Each structure stands twice: as C-alpha cells, then as structure tokens.
Amino acid sequence: MRALVQRVTEASVVVEGTVVGQTGPGLLVLVCAMAGDDEGAADKLAARVAKLRIFRDEAGRMNRSLLDIGGGALVVSQFTLAADTRTGNRPGFSSAAAPDDGRRLYERFAESLRAQGIAVQTGRFGADMTVRLVNDGPVTIWLDTADRA
C-alpha cells in the first residue's frame, strides 16, 4: 500500500457540499491499495503512520509520533497514488488494486489506525471529494509497504 502523509493543523474532506470527515492537529493520510496488497500491508502501513516521528518535541525537533501527541488522522482514499508516469503524458493506473479490494484495504487501514487508539475520520471511497488542509511545516512524507522496482 502507498500513502502520502501530511502533517496538518487541520484538514477536512467535503463530498457534495457536506463535510464528511475532519481532523484538527494530526495527519492527513492519502491512501492507495496496490494490486497484490493484503490486510497485512494495510496493518503494516497503519503501524508506520501511527509511529512516524514527524511532530515537534519540546526542543522543536521532529521526534514525536501521532500516538505521542494524541493527534487525529483524516484518511482519504486516492487511487491516483498508483499513477505510472514513466511513459507518455497520460498516467496509467493499472497497478492500483481493483475497486473492491481497494475499498476493503482502505477500510482495514483506517480500522487498524483506530485500533491503535488514534481518532480517525475518513473521506468517502470512490467519491469525488474536495480536500482542504493547512499543512504544518510543511511536512509531507511518502510511504510504501513494498519495494516496487
């Protein structure tokens, strides 16, 4: 699985004019299940996100995790993280998981974060969403559970 993790002071996701998920200080996590991913990949990614030390400590260093600060996470599905842009001008998405698998693994990822004690809100899988965020730092980290050559 892949994730683009952004440290935020606040973030929200809107579907058809209605806020469906939001968080205060914490993380916006854009998530994509890749073909061949399984529940183990979702759990592994959730553990990495929860423990990723990208929040400031008392000395101003990035030394604290989402768990350490008691922050929340807004988890949004984004199959475009699977984009293959190696050739041509139009990205290909054939490496993304099939929609049913993508939904299942997206939901598993969010549940795995919740199981670690993190307050999680989500977007709506497959919907056309507007994501609003205030990036803190800015800090943006790319995570991938597999080494994809």
Protein backbone atom coordinates (compact mmCIF):
# COMPACT_ATOMS: atom_id res chain seq x y z
CA MET A 1 0.00 0.00 0.00
CA ARG A 2 1.02 3.57 -0.54
CA ALA A 3 0.34 6.67 1.49
CA LEU A 4 1.12 10.33 1.21
CA VAL A 5 1.19 11.63 4.78
CA GLN A 6 0.90 15.34 5.53
CA ARG A 7 1.31 16.90 8.96
CA VAL A 8 -1.60 19.31 9.38
CA THR A 9 -3.02 21.76 11.86
CA GLU A 10 -6.42 20.97 10.37
CA ALA A 11 -7.92 19.13 7.43
CA SER A 12 -11.36 18.27 6.11
CA VAL A 13 -12.94 16.41 3.22
CA VAL A 14 -16.14 17.55 1.54
CA VAL A 15 -18.49 15.48 -0.62
CA GLU A 16 -21.36 17.21 -2.45
CA GLY A 17 -21.03 20.30 -0.22
CA THR A 18 -21.04 18.36 3.07
CA VAL A 19 -18.07 17.83 5.37
CA VAL A 20 -17.80 14.05 5.77
CA GLY A 21 -14.54 13.93 7.74
CA GLN A 22 -12.17 16.29 9.51
CA THR A 23 -9.29 16.46 11.95
CA GLY A 24 -7.51 19.06 14.00
CA PRO A 25 -3.77 18.78 14.63
CA GLY A 26 -2.52 15.49 13.26
CA LEU A 27 -2.25 13.89 9.85
CA LEU A 28 -3.98 13.88 6.51
CA VAL A 29 -3.28 10.45 5.04
CA LEU A 30 -3.97 9.87 1.35
CA VAL A 31 -4.05 6.08 0.84
CA CYS A 32 -3.89 3.78 -2.18
CA ALA A 33 -4.10 -0.01 -2.19
CA MET A 34 -1.94 -1.55 -4.88
CA ALA A 35 -2.59 -4.76 -6.82
CA GLY A 36 -1.41 -7.70 -4.71
CA ASP A 37 -1.74 -5.88 -1.36
CA ASP A 38 -3.43 -7.68 1.51
CA GLU A 39 -4.61 -6.99 5.07
CA GLY A 40 -1.05 -7.40 6.33
CA ALA A 41 0.04 -4.48 4.14
CA ALA A 42 -2.79 -2.32 5.49
CA ASP A 43 -1.84 -3.15 9.09
CA LYS A 44 1.88 -2.56 8.40
CA LEU A 45 1.18 0.82 6.83
CA ALA A 46 -1.09 1.85 9.71
CA ALA A 47 1.60 0.95 12.25
CA ARG A 48 4.18 3.00 10.34
CA VAL A 49 1.86 6.00 10.12
CA ALA A 50 0.98 5.86 13.82
CA LYS A 51 4.64 5.68 14.86
CA LEU A 52 6.15 8.05 12.27
CA ARG A 53 8.07 10.65 14.27
CA ILE A 54 7.29 13.87 12.40
CA PHE A 55 5.87 16.07 15.16
CA ARG A 56 7.93 18.57 17.11
CA ASP A 57 9.16 17.84 20.62
CA GLU A 58 9.92 20.49 23.26
CA ALA A 59 13.22 21.29 21.51
CA GLY A 60 11.46 21.79 18.16
CA ARG A 61 12.87 18.59 16.64
CA MET A 62 10.74 16.07 14.73
CA ASN A 63 10.80 13.45 17.44
CA ARG A 64 7.17 12.69 18.31
CA SER A 65 4.60 10.45 16.65
CA LEU A 66 0.88 10.78 16.15
CA LEU A 67 0.48 8.45 19.13
CA ASP A 68 2.78 10.65 21.24
CA ILE A 69 0.84 13.85 20.57
CA GLY A 70 -2.65 12.31 20.72
CA GLY A 71 -3.42 13.71 17.28
CA GLY A 72 -6.09 12.63 14.86
CA ALA A 73 -5.96 11.32 11.31
CA LEU A 74 -8.11 12.11 8.32
CA VAL A 75 -7.81 9.12 5.95
CA VAL A 76 -8.75 9.67 2.31
CA SER A 77 -8.65 7.09 -0.48
CA GLN A 78 -6.66 8.21 -3.52
CA PHE A 79 -6.09 5.64 -6.25
CA THR A 80 -4.06 8.19 -8.23
CA LEU A 81 -1.10 7.44 -5.94
CA ALA A 82 -0.71 4.38 -8.18
CA ALA A 83 -0.03 6.58 -11.21
CA ASP A 84 2.61 5.28 -13.61
CA THR A 85 4.12 8.27 -15.39
CA ARG A 86 7.19 6.60 -16.87
CA THR A 87 5.96 6.88 -20.44
CA GLY A 88 3.74 9.30 -22.29
CA ASN A 89 1.76 12.17 -20.86
CA ARG A 90 -1.24 10.29 -19.53
CA PRO A 91 -0.70 8.39 -16.25
CA GLY A 92 -1.66 4.74 -16.07
CA PHE A 93 -3.36 3.26 -13.02
CA SER A 94 -3.23 -0.48 -13.75
CA SER A 95 -1.07 -1.10 -10.66
CA ALA A 96 -3.85 0.06 -8.33
CA ALA A 97 -5.93 -2.61 -6.60
CA ALA A 98 -9.31 -3.47 -8.07
CA PRO A 99 -12.07 -1.27 -6.59
CA ASP A 100 -13.49 -3.93 -4.24
CA ASP A 101 -10.02 -4.77 -2.92
CA GLY A 102 -9.14 -1.08 -2.69
CA ARG A 103 -12.22 -0.34 -0.58
CA ARG A 104 -11.62 -3.32 1.71
CA LEU A 105 -7.96 -2.42 2.29
CA TYR A 106 -8.71 1.31 2.72
CA GLU A 107 -11.26 0.44 5.40
CA ARG A 108 -8.85 -2.03 7.00
CA PHE A 109 -6.14 0.66 7.14
CA ALA A 110 -8.50 3.12 8.88
CA GLU A 111 -9.64 0.44 11.35
CA SER A 112 -6.05 -0.55 12.09
CA LEU A 113 -5.24 3.08 12.96
CA ARG A 114 -8.32 3.23 15.21
CA ALA A 115 -7.25 0.01 16.94
CA GLN A 116 -4.04 1.78 17.96
CA GLY A 117 -6.05 4.47 19.75
CA ILE A 118 -5.97 7.14 17.07
CA ALA A 119 -9.07 9.22 16.37
CA VAL A 120 -9.75 8.54 12.69
CA GLN A 121 -12.19 10.13 10.31
CA THR A 122 -12.43 9.27 6.64
CA GLY A 123 -13.47 10.51 3.27
CA ARG A 124 -15.89 8.53 1.12
CA PHE A 125 -14.32 5.79 -1.00
CA GLY A 126 -14.82 6.34 -4.73
CA ALA A 127 -16.49 9.74 -4.31
CA ASP A 128 -15.45 13.00 -5.94
CA MET A 129 -14.01 14.78 -2.88
CA THR A 130 -12.66 18.20 -2.07
CA VAL A 131 -9.83 18.01 0.47
CA ARG A 132 -8.91 21.10 2.45
CA LEU A 133 -5.84 21.25 4.64
CA VAL A 134 -3.45 23.51 6.44
CA ASN A 135 -0.09 21.81 6.01
CA ASP A 136 2.10 22.24 9.10
CA GLY A 137 5.77 22.77 8.34
CA PRO A 138 5.13 21.84 5.56
CA VAL A 139 5.84 18.19 6.24
CA THR A 140 4.87 15.67 3.55
CA ILE A 141 6.14 12.06 3.60
CA TRP A 142 5.71 9.27 1.03
CA LEU A 143 5.32 5.73 2.42
CA ASP A 144 5.11 2.43 0.55
CA THR A 145 4.89 -1.00 2.16
CA ALA A 146 6.60 -2.72 -0.77
CA ASP A 147 9.78 -2.10 -2.69
CA ARG A 148 8.36 -1.62 -6.15
CA ALA A 149 11.22 -1.51 -8.66
